[in-house]
């Protein structure tokens, strides 16, 4: 009989503690790390990791697989990027609790806020639940390629408790607040890992309504937070605009929620292109709050959060152009063929680029000064000289003509990348400052969402490829990046049983060819229910990924093993 189930031998072990990398073996027994060092015993399976980095599985705390997890065992694209645990239900949107008459409202909200096709949700969701505990039970019926956890979303709580009044952004009554608090506690006690809410103008339903949680009163949020606090469980998550008019109000609200609950909390944070210094006020607030004993973290992005635009995508610069709209319903290849005809080209260019403010990102269609052709491999810190505006000026052609030519290239598969956060003055230095701060964690990947506009589930790969290996200035140490993306994220949501390659901890791990790591250009696939389309992005370099000691991916391909499970609530530290 072998002593271990698995031994990964001779790799450069980066164990998630932040300590220096070392050459070592990692032995696994019964889904748990058993030994790290020079392991002399035998195993049922041995993996040669010579020349590779051996790291804990990554924990992504900001995803939106709320629908996909009910119909799909493979939480791709996240699982292609070394991620072994995800948290969904962010930004206050999700599908429980719910009554049947509100199904369409929650679908329309998710479609608008997270750009997930409504037809895919309508066909894919079974709605075999009403309460949040029933939703968790439904999730648990399917095995997955990674572990996952759910937060209870504020918008669903509001709609369930207030009906039509939730979307009208009226203040909740005391009775309605009590119902929301009761439902939130029910969810936490059943295994929801936390509660999430949104206060951003960017979050609208497909019909243009602001998310129901946008104007929720302070008393409402404080009461929900306090009720969760009394359980002694759960975390809180918030997204807001951080504009000059509301930033102090936002700070006051966050302070109120953490004081009322005593629970850990995180909020989304990025560098705005229009107000590039504002994020530092939030960093100072983090320092102050944590200095007072609160457990508060900023969730930050590994690169610029950016729109992807093309004929295949939700957005393209001619989306609202009436001449283009006549053919927009056709297959992309047919669109490209027709757009190559001189008469249609001339007509579309005469109308030019028209903003579409009713769509998320639609107000940015003409921001050519931060628009780049998406290359393969993609560049996420592109040279400012490569903007569409500067390229057109050098070529002596109108900007719209250059955009047109890129769109119809490659049979209509040409794409643009337009970062709308973190990329200031042609640099990601702001992102570096955010990533390096003591009280931030990597987040905001939105895995499973924005399937036609954003493809950021590859953030974990960007951290390794760009920030550890390739960036010419201001790199990050490998040990720091692994600690932040594995252990710090796990701790932030109360998963104290993972994120470390240390005896006793869950055996989620990656074997990574760091030198061979390479992101590919995102591509459109029509593999959602009802043929819905989504952006997917692969990467080379992940030799092996294991969840609870079971190999789930080898060289980027699924093994068919599905050891992933629903994580109900926080998990205790096995060594305490």
Protein backbone atom coordinates (compact mmCIF):
# COMPACT_ATOMS: atom_id res chain seq x y z
CA UNK A 1 0.00 0.00 0.00
CA UNK A 2 1.28 3.46 -0.91
CA UNK A 3 1.74 5.90 1.94
CA UNK A 4 0.27 8.84 0.00
CA UNK A 5 -2.31 9.42 -2.73
CA UNK A 6 -0.14 11.97 -4.53
CA UNK A 7 3.39 13.31 -4.41
CA UNK A 8 4.42 16.33 -6.48
CA UNK A 9 8.19 16.04 -6.59
CA UNK A 10 11.03 18.48 -6.99
CA UNK A 11 9.14 21.67 -7.78
CA UNK A 12 9.79 25.22 -6.64
CA UNK A 13 7.28 25.35 -3.82
CA UNK A 14 5.69 28.73 -3.14
CA UNK A 15 3.51 27.75 -0.23
CA UNK A 16 1.22 30.78 0.15
CA UNK A 17 2.68 31.97 3.45
CA UNK A 18 4.79 34.63 1.75
CA UNK A 19 7.99 32.86 2.75
CA UNK A 20 10.77 32.36 0.22
CA UNK A 21 10.30 29.72 -2.49
CA UNK A 22 12.18 26.47 -1.99
CA UNK A 23 12.70 23.19 -3.80
CA UNK A 24 10.53 20.57 -2.12
CA UNK A 25 8.09 17.71 -2.56
CA UNK A 26 4.41 18.00 -1.65
CA UNK A 27 2.62 14.87 -0.47
CA UNK A 28 -1.16 14.52 -0.29
CA UNK A 29 -3.33 12.06 1.59
CA UNK A 30 -7.16 12.02 1.75
CA UNK A 31 -7.45 15.40 0.05
CA UNK A 32 -5.14 17.15 2.51
CA UNK A 33 -1.50 18.19 2.35
CA UNK A 34 0.37 15.60 4.43
CA UNK A 35 4.05 16.56 4.05
CA UNK A 36 6.12 19.31 2.42
CA UNK A 37 9.87 18.85 2.13
CA UNK A 38 11.93 15.84 1.14
CA UNK A 39 9.29 13.12 1.07
CA UNK A 40 10.69 9.60 1.13
CA UNK A 41 7.45 7.62 0.96
CA UNK A 42 5.63 6.34 -2.12
CA UNK A 43 2.34 7.44 -3.65
CA UNK A 44 -0.36 6.09 -5.90
CA UNK A 45 0.42 8.99 -8.29
CA UNK A 46 3.64 10.94 -8.61
CA UNK A 47 4.11 14.14 -10.64
CA UNK A 48 7.51 15.44 -11.71
CA UNK A 49 7.50 19.21 -11.07
CA UNK A 50 11.17 19.86 -11.81
CA UNK A 51 11.52 23.37 -13.26
CA UNK A 52 7.95 24.30 -12.36
CA UNK A 53 6.34 26.40 -9.63
CA UNK A 54 4.14 24.48 -7.20
CA UNK A 55 1.59 26.80 -5.60
CA UNK A 56 -1.71 26.56 -3.75
CA UNK A 57 -4.89 26.73 -5.81
CA UNK A 58 -6.05 30.30 -6.30
CA UNK A 59 -9.15 31.68 -4.58
CA UNK A 60 -11.21 34.15 -6.63
CA UNK A 61 -13.56 36.08 -4.35
CA UNK A 62 -15.42 38.04 -7.04
CA UNK A 63 -17.28 36.00 -9.64
CA UNK A 64 -20.80 35.63 -11.04
CA UNK A 65 -21.27 31.92 -11.73
CA UNK A 66 -24.68 32.06 -9.96
CA UNK A 67 -26.48 30.79 -13.04
CA UNK A 68 -23.74 28.78 -14.74
CA UNK A 69 -23.06 26.72 -11.62
CA UNK A 70 -26.63 25.40 -11.74
CA UNK A 71 -26.30 23.96 -15.26
CA UNK A 72 -22.56 23.53 -15.87
CA UNK A 73 -20.07 21.38 -13.97
CA UNK A 74 -17.14 23.31 -15.44
CA UNK A 75 -16.68 26.81 -14.06
CA UNK A 76 -14.65 27.96 -17.04
CA UNK A 77 -12.88 30.16 -17.84
CA UNK A 78 -11.76 30.52 -14.19
CA UNK A 79 -10.69 26.89 -13.88
CA UNK A 80 -8.28 27.35 -16.82
CA UNK A 81 -6.33 29.88 -14.75
CA UNK A 82 -5.35 27.95 -11.65
CA UNK A 83 -8.47 28.92 -9.70
CA UNK A 84 -9.74 26.17 -7.40
CA UNK A 85 -12.30 28.11 -5.32
CA UNK A 86 -14.66 30.88 -6.40
CA UNK A 87 -17.13 33.08 -4.55
CA UNK A 88 -20.20 34.18 -6.51
CA UNK A 89 -23.22 36.33 -5.65
CA UNK A 90 -21.23 39.57 -5.76
CA UNK A 91 -22.52 43.08 -6.52
CA UNK A 92 -25.91 42.38 -4.96
CA UNK A 93 -27.24 40.31 -7.89
CA UNK A 94 -28.29 36.68 -7.95
CA UNK A 95 -31.25 34.33 -8.16
CA UNK A 96 -32.44 33.70 -4.61
CA UNK A 97 -34.53 34.21 -2.63
CA UNK A 98 -37.26 34.54 -5.25
CA UNK A 99 -40.91 33.87 -6.01
CA UNK A 100 -41.98 32.76 -9.52
CA UNK A 101 -43.46 36.10 -10.52
CA UNK A 102 -40.02 37.71 -10.05
CA UNK A 103 -38.00 35.25 -12.17
CA UNK A 104 -37.95 37.54 -15.19
CA UNK A 105 -37.01 40.58 -13.12
CA UNK A 106 -33.93 38.85 -11.68
CA UNK A 107 -32.94 37.58 -15.13
CA UNK A 108 -33.27 41.07 -16.62
CA UNK A 109 -31.19 42.48 -13.77
CA UNK A 110 -28.42 39.91 -14.21
CA UNK A 111 -28.49 40.41 -17.98
CA UNK A 112 -28.12 44.17 -17.61
CA UNK A 113 -25.65 44.30 -14.73
CA UNK A 114 -23.45 41.35 -15.68
CA UNK A 115 -24.06 41.02 -19.45
CA UNK A 116 -25.17 37.39 -19.31
CA UNK A 117 -27.65 36.62 -22.12
CA UNK A 118 -31.19 36.57 -20.82
CA UNK A 119 -32.14 33.75 -23.19
CA UNK A 120 -29.34 31.62 -21.75
CA UNK A 121 -30.50 32.30 -18.20
CA UNK A 122 -34.15 31.68 -19.10
CA UNK A 123 -33.32 28.30 -20.61
CA UNK A 124 -30.56 27.29 -18.21
CA UNK A 125 -32.09 28.12 -14.83
CA UNK A 126 -34.34 25.41 -13.43
CA UNK A 127 -35.78 27.64 -10.69
CA UNK A 128 -36.02 24.58 -8.48
CA UNK A 129 -35.91 26.87 -5.46
CA UNK A 130 -37.58 29.78 -3.76
CA UNK A 131 -35.54 30.31 -0.62
CA UNK A 132 -31.79 30.76 -0.47
CA UNK A 133 -31.31 27.48 1.42
CA UNK A 134 -33.17 25.72 -1.43
CA UNK A 135 -30.92 27.45 -3.96
CA UNK A 136 -27.85 26.12 -2.14
CA UNK A 137 -29.37 22.64 -2.12
CA UNK A 138 -29.91 22.87 -5.89
CA UNK A 139 -26.29 23.94 -6.41
CA UNK A 140 -25.10 21.02 -4.32
CA UNK A 141 -26.80 18.47 -6.57
CA UNK A 142 -24.18 18.97 -9.30
CA UNK A 143 -20.47 18.13 -8.99
CA UNK A 144 -18.02 20.74 -10.28
CA UNK A 145 -14.42 21.13 -11.33
CA UNK A 146 -13.69 23.43 -8.39
CA UNK A 147 -15.09 24.49 -5.04
CA UNK A 148 -17.52 27.40 -5.01
CA UNK A 149 -19.50 29.45 -2.52
CA UNK A 150 -22.43 31.86 -2.77
CA UNK A 151 -23.32 35.16 -1.17
CA UNK A 152 -26.90 36.29 -0.62
CA UNK A 153 -27.58 39.25 -2.95
CA UNK A 154 -29.22 42.44 -1.75
CA UNK A 155 -31.21 43.02 -4.96
CA UNK A 156 -32.93 39.65 -4.65
CA UNK A 157 -33.67 40.31 -0.96
CA UNK A 158 -35.21 43.66 -1.85
CA UNK A 159 -37.35 42.30 -4.68
CA UNK A 160 -38.51 39.40 -2.51
CA UNK A 161 -39.41 41.71 0.39
CA UNK A 162 -40.69 44.80 -1.46
CA UNK A 163 -41.97 43.59 -4.84
CA UNK A 164 -42.42 46.39 -7.38
CA UNK A 165 -41.39 48.99 -4.80
CA UNK A 166 -37.83 47.61 -4.84
CA UNK A 167 -37.20 48.77 -8.41
CA UNK A 168 -38.78 52.18 -7.68
CA UNK A 169 -35.94 52.87 -5.22
CA UNK A 170 -38.25 53.82 -2.39
CA UNK A 171 -37.09 53.50 1.18
CA UNK A 172 -38.03 50.22 2.78
CA UNK A 173 -40.49 50.17 5.65
CA UNK A 174 -39.48 48.79 9.03
CA UNK A 175 -41.44 45.62 8.23
CA UNK A 176 -39.66 45.19 4.87
CA UNK A 177 -36.26 45.79 6.46
CA UNK A 178 -37.06 43.17 9.07
CA UNK A 179 -38.00 40.69 6.35
CA UNK A 180 -34.74 41.33 4.46
CA UNK A 181 -32.72 40.87 7.63
CA UNK A 182 -34.56 37.63 8.43
CA UNK A 183 -33.99 36.27 4.92
CA UNK A 184 -30.31 37.26 5.05
CA UNK A 185 -29.84 35.43 8.34
CA UNK A 186 -31.65 32.38 6.92
CA UNK A 187 -29.20 32.38 4.02
CA UNK A 188 -26.12 32.77 6.24
CA UNK A 189 -27.26 29.99 8.56
CA UNK A 190 -27.79 27.72 5.53
CA UNK A 191 -24.26 28.33 4.27
CA UNK A 192 -24.15 31.60 2.33
CA UNK A 193 -20.63 32.91 2.76
CA UNK A 194 -21.79 36.50 2.94
CA UNK A 195 -24.05 39.35 1.81
CA UNK A 196 -23.41 41.67 -1.15
CA UNK A 197 -24.82 45.00 -2.27
CA UNK A 198 -24.35 47.55 -5.07
CA UNK A 199 -24.62 51.34 -5.08
CA UNK A 200 -23.23 52.11 -8.54
CA UNK A 201 -24.94 53.88 -11.43
CA UNK A 202 -23.27 51.35 -13.76
CA UNK A 203 -25.53 48.55 -12.54
CA UNK A 204 -28.81 48.58 -14.46
CA UNK A 205 -31.24 45.97 -15.68
CA UNK A 206 -31.46 45.27 -19.41
CA UNK A 207 -34.45 47.65 -19.49
CA UNK A 208 -32.39 50.48 -18.02
CA UNK A 209 -33.63 50.37 -14.40
CA UNK A 210 -31.00 50.99 -11.74
CA UNK A 211 -30.28 47.96 -9.59
CA UNK A 212 -32.87 47.75 -6.75
CA UNK A 213 -30.17 48.13 -4.09
CA UNK A 214 -28.85 51.43 -5.50
CA UNK A 215 -30.77 53.80 -3.24
CA UNK A 216 -31.26 51.55 -0.23
CA UNK A 217 -31.18 53.57 2.96
CA UNK A 218 -28.46 53.44 5.57
CA UNK A 219 -30.91 52.07 8.15
CA UNK A 220 -31.71 49.15 5.85
CA UNK A 221 -28.09 48.20 5.21
CA UNK A 222 -27.14 48.65 8.85
CA UNK A 223 -30.03 46.45 9.98
CA UNK A 224 -29.11 43.66 7.55
CA UNK A 225 -25.46 43.89 8.59
CA UNK A 226 -26.35 43.83 12.28
CA UNK A 227 -28.58 40.78 11.85
CA UNK A 228 -25.77 38.94 10.04
CA UNK A 229 -23.38 40.00 12.76
CA UNK A 230 -25.50 38.34 15.40
CA UNK A 231 -24.94 34.99 13.67
CA UNK A 232 -21.19 35.36 14.16
CA UNK A 233 -20.76 34.27 10.54
CA UNK A 234 -20.44 35.71 7.07
CA UNK A 235 -18.75 38.58 5.27
CA UNK A 236 -20.05 41.74 3.59
CA UNK A 237 -19.28 43.03 0.07
CA UNK A 238 -20.07 46.36 -1.58
CA UNK A 239 -19.52 48.08 -4.91
CA UNK A 240 -19.99 51.82 -5.29
CA UNK A 241 -18.94 54.65 -7.62
CA UNK A 242 -16.58 56.53 -5.26
CA UNK A 243 -17.46 59.85 -6.86
CA UNK A 244 -16.56 63.18 -5.26
CA UNK A 245 -20.13 63.88 -4.18
CA UNK A 246 -20.74 60.60 -2.38
CA UNK A 247 -17.36 59.33 -1.21
CA UNK A 248 -17.71 60.56 2.38
CA UNK A 249 -21.25 59.16 2.51
CA UNK A 250 -19.89 55.83 1.27
CA UNK A 251 -17.19 55.83 3.95
CA UNK A 252 -19.82 56.57 6.58
CA UNK A 253 -22.07 53.77 5.31
CA UNK A 254 -19.24 51.21 5.30
CA UNK A 255 -18.19 52.28 8.78
CA UNK A 256 -21.77 51.89 9.96
CA UNK A 257 -22.08 48.39 8.48
CA UNK A 258 -18.84 47.05 9.96
CA UNK A 259 -19.55 48.61 13.34
CA UNK A 260 -23.07 47.15 13.41
CA UNK A 261 -21.98 43.69 12.29
CA UNK A 262 -18.43 43.17 13.53
CA UNK A 263 -17.96 41.12 10.36
CA UNK A 264 -15.23 41.35 7.69
CA UNK A 265 -16.11 43.50 4.69
CA UNK A 266 -14.63 44.26 1.28
CA UNK A 267 -15.35 46.81 -1.41
CA UNK A 268 -14.36 47.19 -5.05
CA UNK A 269 -11.59 49.70 -5.72
CA UNK A 270 -9.87 50.84 -8.90
CA UNK A 271 -8.10 53.91 -10.28
CA UNK A 272 -10.49 56.09 -12.26
CA UNK A 273 -9.24 57.55 -15.53
CA UNK A 274 -11.17 60.76 -14.89
CA UNK A 275 -10.08 61.19 -11.26
CA UNK A 276 -6.80 59.25 -11.02
CA UNK A 277 -5.93 60.26 -7.44
CA UNK A 278 -9.29 59.55 -5.81
CA UNK A 279 -8.52 55.90 -5.00
CA UNK A 280 -5.91 57.01 -2.48
CA UNK A 281 -8.68 58.44 -0.28
CA UNK A 282 -10.15 54.96 -0.12
CA UNK A 283 -6.74 53.50 0.72
CA UNK A 284 -6.39 55.97 3.59
CA UNK A 285 -9.87 54.99 4.76
CA UNK A 286 -8.81 51.32 4.70
CA UNK A 287 -5.79 52.13 6.85
CA UNK A 288 -7.90 54.09 9.32
CA UNK A 289 -10.62 51.42 9.57
CA UNK A 290 -8.18 48.55 10.04
CA UNK A 291 -6.27 50.61 12.57
CA UNK A 292 -9.51 50.78 14.55
CA UNK A 293 -9.79 47.00 14.53
CA UNK A 294 -12.20 46.51 11.64
CA UNK A 295 -11.48 43.80 9.07
CA UNK A 296 -11.85 45.74 5.85
CA UNK A 297 -10.27 44.99 2.48
CA UNK A 298 -10.27 46.60 -0.93
CA UNK A 299 -10.80 44.25 -3.87
CA UNK A 300 -8.50 45.37 -6.69
CA UNK A 301 -7.89 44.31 -10.29
CA UNK A 302 -4.72 42.78 -11.70
CA UNK A 303 -4.82 45.07 -14.72
CA UNK A 304 -7.05 47.70 -16.27
CA UNK A 305 -10.67 46.60 -16.28
CA UNK A 306 -11.44 46.97 -19.95
CA UNK A 307 -14.17 46.63 -22.51
CA UNK A 308 -13.73 44.24 -25.40
CA UNK A 309 -15.50 45.45 -28.52
CA UNK A 310 -16.11 43.74 -31.86
CA UNK A 311 -18.82 42.53 -34.19
CA UNK A 312 -19.03 39.33 -32.12
CA UNK A 313 -19.26 41.24 -28.83
CA UNK A 314 -22.07 43.09 -27.07
CA UNK A 315 -20.48 46.40 -28.07
CA UNK A 316 -18.70 47.77 -31.10
CA UNK A 317 -18.11 51.41 -32.03
CA UNK A 318 -20.89 51.27 -34.65
CA UNK A 319 -23.39 49.51 -32.36
CA UNK A 320 -25.86 52.43 -32.45
CA UNK A 321 -25.15 53.37 -36.08
CA UNK A 322 -28.48 53.05 -37.98
CA UNK A 323 -26.81 51.76 -41.16
CA UNK A 324 -24.97 49.08 -39.18
CA UNK A 325 -28.08 48.17 -37.19
CA UNK A 326 -29.78 46.98 -40.37
CA UNK A 327 -27.31 44.09 -40.59
CA UNK A 328 -26.48 43.60 -36.89
CA UNK A 329 -28.80 40.58 -36.62
CA UNK A 330 -26.86 38.63 -39.25
CA UNK A 331 -24.06 36.11 -38.53
CA UNK A 332 -20.77 37.89 -37.98
CA UNK A 333 -19.12 36.51 -41.10
CA UNK A 334 -22.04 37.81 -43.18
CA UNK A 335 -21.80 41.20 -41.47
CA UNK A 336 -18.12 41.40 -42.38
CA UNK A 337 -18.82 40.42 -45.99
CA UNK A 338 -21.50 43.09 -46.40
CA UNK A 339 -19.41 45.73 -44.61
CA UNK A 340 -16.65 45.19 -47.16
CA UNK A 341 -18.99 46.45 -49.90
CA UNK A 342 -18.20 50.10 -50.80
CA UNK A 343 -21.78 51.40 -50.62
CA UNK A 344 -22.48 50.07 -47.09
CA UNK A 345 -19.02 51.09 -45.90
CA UNK A 346 -19.66 54.64 -47.09
CA UNK A 347 -23.10 54.77 -45.46
CA UNK A 348 -21.90 53.46 -42.10
CA UNK A 349 -18.95 55.85 -42.04
CA UNK A 350 -21.21 58.78 -42.89
CA UNK A 351 -23.27 58.10 -39.75
CA UNK A 352 -20.08 57.48 -37.77
CA UNK A 353 -19.70 56.44 -34.14
CA UNK A 354 -22.79 57.04 -31.99
CA UNK A 355 -22.79 56.49 -28.23
CA UNK A 356 -25.21 53.98 -26.70
CA UNK A 357 -25.56 55.19 -23.10
CA UNK A 358 -28.40 52.73 -22.38
CA UNK A 359 -25.84 49.89 -22.50
CA UNK A 360 -23.10 49.30 -19.93
CA UNK A 361 -20.00 50.74 -21.56
CA UNK A 362 -22.06 52.20 -24.40
CA UNK A 363 -21.07 55.71 -23.42
CA UNK A 364 -17.43 54.92 -24.14
CA UNK A 365 -17.71 53.87 -27.78
CA UNK A 366 -15.91 56.98 -29.03
CA UNK A 367 -13.06 57.04 -26.49
CA UNK A 368 -10.46 56.37 -29.14
CA UNK A 369 -7.67 57.89 -27.05
CA UNK A 370 -7.72 54.75 -24.87
CA UNK A 371 -8.82 52.24 -27.51
CA UNK A 372 -6.40 49.60 -28.78
CA UNK A 373 -6.60 46.79 -31.29
CA UNK A 374 -6.65 43.53 -29.33
CA UNK A 375 -3.63 41.48 -30.33
CA UNK A 376 -2.68 37.84 -29.85
CA UNK A 377 -1.17 37.54 -27.33
CA UNK A 378 -3.08 40.45 -25.81
CA UNK A 379 -1.24 43.42 -24.31
CA UNK A 380 -2.85 44.70 -21.12
CA UNK A 381 -0.35 47.52 -20.57
CA UNK A 382 -0.17 48.72 -24.19
CA UNK A 383 2.09 51.44 -25.54
CA UNK A 384 0.13 54.73 -25.70
CA UNK A 385 1.48 55.19 -29.23
CA UNK A 386 -0.67 52.23 -30.26
CA UNK A 387 -4.02 53.85 -29.49
CA UNK A 388 -6.43 53.92 -32.40
CA UNK A 389 -6.34 57.72 -32.30
CA UNK A 390 -2.55 57.91 -32.67
CA UNK A 391 -2.38 55.13 -35.24
CA UNK A 392 -4.97 56.90 -37.37
CA UNK A 393 -3.11 60.19 -37.07
CA UNK A 394 0.17 58.57 -38.15
CA UNK A 395 -1.54 56.89 -41.09
CA UNK A 396 -3.35 60.06 -42.08
CA UNK A 397 -6.77 58.39 -42.11
CA UNK A 398 -10.00 59.19 -40.22
CA UNK A 399 -10.28 57.31 -36.94
CA UNK A 400 -13.63 55.76 -37.91
CA UNK A 401 -12.08 54.24 -41.04
CA UNK A 402 -9.32 52.55 -39.07
CA UNK A 403 -11.88 51.21 -36.59
CA UNK A 404 -13.99 49.93 -39.47
CA UNK A 405 -11.06 48.08 -41.03
CA UNK A 406 -10.14 46.40 -37.74
CA UNK A 407 -13.73 45.31 -37.11
CA UNK A 408 -14.09 43.54 -40.47
CA UNK A 409 -10.64 41.94 -40.35
CA UNK A 410 -10.26 38.20 -39.81
CA UNK A 411 -13.78 37.51 -41.03
CA UNK A 412 -15.28 39.97 -38.57
CA UNK A 413 -13.36 38.72 -35.56
CA UNK A 414 -11.24 41.84 -35.06
CA UNK A 415 -11.55 43.27 -31.54
CA UNK A 416 -10.64 46.35 -29.54
CA UNK A 417 -9.52 46.62 -25.91
CA UNK A 418 -10.48 49.77 -24.05
CA UNK A 419 -9.34 49.96 -20.40
CA UNK A 420 -11.62 52.18 -18.33
CA UNK A 421 -9.82 51.82 -14.98
CA UNK A 422 -6.19 51.66 -13.80
CA UNK A 423 -4.60 52.54 -17.17
CA UNK A 424 -3.58 56.18 -16.56
CA UNK A 425 -0.98 58.00 -18.64
CA UNK A 426 -0.19 54.80 -20.50
CA UNK A 427 0.75 52.90 -17.35
CA UNK A 428 -0.59 50.42 -14.80
CA UNK A 429 1.36 52.06 -11.98
CA UNK A 430 -1.93 52.79 -10.21
CA UNK A 431 -2.81 49.11 -10.33
CA UNK A 432 0.60 48.32 -8.87
CA UNK A 433 -0.03 50.70 -5.97
CA UNK A 434 -3.41 49.08 -5.35
CA UNK A 435 -2.08 45.53 -5.57
CA UNK A 436 0.79 46.33 -3.20
CA UNK A 437 -1.26 47.91 -0.42
CA UNK A 438 -1.43 46.17 2.96
CA UNK A 439 -5.22 46.09 3.03
CA UNK A 440 -6.12 45.02 -0.51
CA UNK A 441 -6.64 41.64 -2.14
CA UNK A 442 -6.88 40.59 -5.80
CA UNK A 443 -10.48 40.48 -6.97
CA UNK A 444 -12.95 41.88 -9.51
CA UNK A 445 -12.38 39.17 -12.12
CA UNK A 446 -16.15 38.85 -12.69
CA UNK A 447 -15.65 35.27 -13.85
CA UNK A 448 -18.85 34.03 -15.47
CA UNK A 449 -20.13 37.54 -16.19
CA UNK A 450 -19.83 40.27 -18.82
CA UNK A 451 -19.63 37.46 -21.29
CA UNK A 452 -19.84 39.76 -24.31
CA UNK A 453 -17.89 42.78 -23.05
CA UNK A 454 -15.18 41.80 -20.54
CA UNK A 455 -12.99 38.73 -20.12
CA UNK A 456 -11.07 39.16 -16.86
CA UNK A 457 -11.28 35.70 -15.29
CA UNK A 458 -7.62 35.47 -16.33
CA UNK A 459 -6.51 37.98 -13.67
CA UNK A 460 -4.64 35.26 -11.77
CA UNK A 461 -2.59 34.52 -14.89
CA UNK A 462 -1.91 38.23 -15.43
CA UNK A 463 -0.53 38.46 -11.90
CA UNK A 464 2.01 35.76 -12.69
CA UNK A 465 2.78 36.53 -16.34
CA UNK A 466 2.80 40.32 -16.27
CA UNK A 467 3.54 41.36 -12.71
CA UNK A 468 5.95 38.60 -11.68
CA UNK A 469 7.67 37.73 -14.98
CA UNK A 470 7.33 40.24 -17.81
CA UNK A 471 6.86 43.81 -16.63
CA UNK A 472 9.97 45.88 -17.20
CA UNK A 473 9.48 48.10 -14.17
CA UNK A 474 7.69 47.70 -10.87
CA UNK A 475 7.34 43.94 -10.73
CA UNK A 476 5.88 41.98 -7.83
CA UNK A 477 7.62 39.07 -6.06
CA UNK A 478 6.28 35.61 -6.87
CA UNK A 479 5.85 34.78 -3.18
CA UNK A 480 3.83 37.95 -2.60
CA UNK A 481 1.51 37.32 -5.56
CA UNK A 482 0.81 33.71 -4.56
CA UNK A 483 0.18 34.69 -0.95
CA UNK A 484 -2.30 37.38 -2.02
CA UNK A 485 -4.16 35.32 -4.65
CA UNK A 486 -4.30 32.11 -2.58
CA UNK A 487 -4.17 32.70 1.17
CA UNK A 488 -5.16 36.36 1.56
CA UNK A 489 -8.24 35.94 -0.60
CA UNK A 490 -9.18 32.75 1.27
CA UNK A 491 -8.84 34.51 4.61
CA UNK A 492 -10.91 37.47 3.42
CA UNK A 493 -13.98 35.25 3.01
CA UNK A 494 -13.31 33.00 5.99
CA UNK A 495 -11.93 29.97 4.14
CA UNK A 496 -9.15 29.24 6.61
CA UNK A 497 -8.70 25.63 5.48
CA UNK A 498 -7.04 26.47 2.11
CA UNK A 499 -4.59 28.71 0.32
CA UNK A 500 -1.48 27.16 1.90
CA UNK A 501 0.75 24.24 0.97
CA UNK A 502 1.25 23.35 4.60
CA UNK A 503 0.46 20.00 6.28
CA UNK A 504 -3.16 19.87 7.37
CA UNK A 505 -4.55 22.23 4.74
CA UNK A 506 -6.76 21.38 1.79
CA UNK A 507 -4.76 19.95 -1.11
CA UNK A 508 -5.71 22.44 -3.82
CA UNK A 509 -2.58 23.09 -5.85
CA UNK A 510 -1.13 24.13 -9.20
CA UNK A 511 2.00 23.03 -11.03
CA UNK A 512 2.91 25.99 -13.24
CA UNK A 513 5.48 26.43 -15.99
CA UNK A 514 6.15 30.09 -15.18
CA UNK A 515 8.38 30.65 -18.19
CA UNK A 516 5.85 29.04 -20.50
CA UNK A 517 2.85 30.93 -19.10
CA UNK A 518 1.01 32.70 -21.91
CA UNK A 519 -2.43 34.25 -22.21
CA UNK A 520 -4.28 33.81 -25.48
CA UNK A 521 -6.57 36.34 -27.12
CA UNK A 522 -10.17 35.99 -25.88
CA UNK A 523 -12.53 34.27 -28.29
CA UNK A 524 -16.30 34.08 -28.65
CA UNK A 525 -17.93 30.68 -28.13
CA UNK A 526 -21.63 29.89 -28.51
CA UNK A 527 -21.89 27.28 -25.77
CA UNK A 528 -24.29 28.77 -23.25
CA UNK A 529 -27.86 27.47 -23.02
CA UNK A 530 -29.97 28.48 -26.04
CA UNK A 531 -26.74 28.95 -27.99
CA UNK A 532 -25.80 32.03 -25.98
CA UNK A 533 -22.38 33.44 -26.71
CA UNK A 534 -19.58 34.22 -24.29
CA UNK A 535 -15.97 35.35 -24.30
CA UNK A 536 -13.48 32.71 -23.18
CA UNK A 537 -9.74 33.05 -22.68
CA UNK A 538 -7.26 30.22 -22.38
CA UNK A 539 -3.70 30.14 -21.12
CA UNK A 540 -0.66 27.95 -21.63
CA UNK A 541 1.55 27.01 -18.71
CA UNK A 542 -0.73 25.35 -16.17
CA UNK A 543 0.70 21.82 -16.22
CA UNK A 544 -1.52 20.39 -13.49
CA UNK A 545 -4.33 21.65 -11.27
CA UNK A 546 -5.59 19.62 -8.32
CA UNK A 547 -8.68 20.13 -6.16
CA UNK A 548 -8.64 18.19 -2.88
CA UNK A 549 -5.76 16.17 -4.30
CA UNK A 550 -7.71 15.16 -7.44
CA UNK A 551 -6.34 16.28 -10.81
CA UNK A 552 -8.92 18.44 -12.60
CA UNK A 553 -6.80 19.91 -15.43
CA UNK A 554 -3.64 18.87 -17.22
CA UNK A 555 -2.04 21.26 -19.69
CA UNK A 556 -5.26 23.27 -19.77
CA UNK A 557 -7.56 20.35 -20.58
CA UNK A 558 -10.18 19.00 -18.20
CA UNK A 559 -9.56 15.49 -16.91
CA UNK A 560 -13.27 14.83 -16.34
CA UNK A 561 -12.80 14.56 -12.58
CA UNK A 562 -15.24 16.71 -10.61
CA UNK A 563 -14.13 16.91 -6.98
CA UNK A 564 -15.40 20.49 -6.49
CA UNK A 565 -18.10 21.06 -3.92
CA UNK A 566 -20.30 23.84 -2.56
CA UNK A 567 -18.56 25.48 0.38
CA UNK A 568 -21.12 26.35 3.01
CA UNK A 569 -19.95 29.28 5.08
CA UNK A 570 -16.55 29.89 6.59
CA UNK A 571 -14.14 27.00 7.10
CA UNK A 572 -12.08 26.52 10.24
CA UNK A 573 -8.29 26.60 10.25
CA UNK A 574 -7.28 22.93 10.57
CA UNK A 575 -4.23 23.78 12.68
CA UNK A 576 -6.01 25.79 15.34
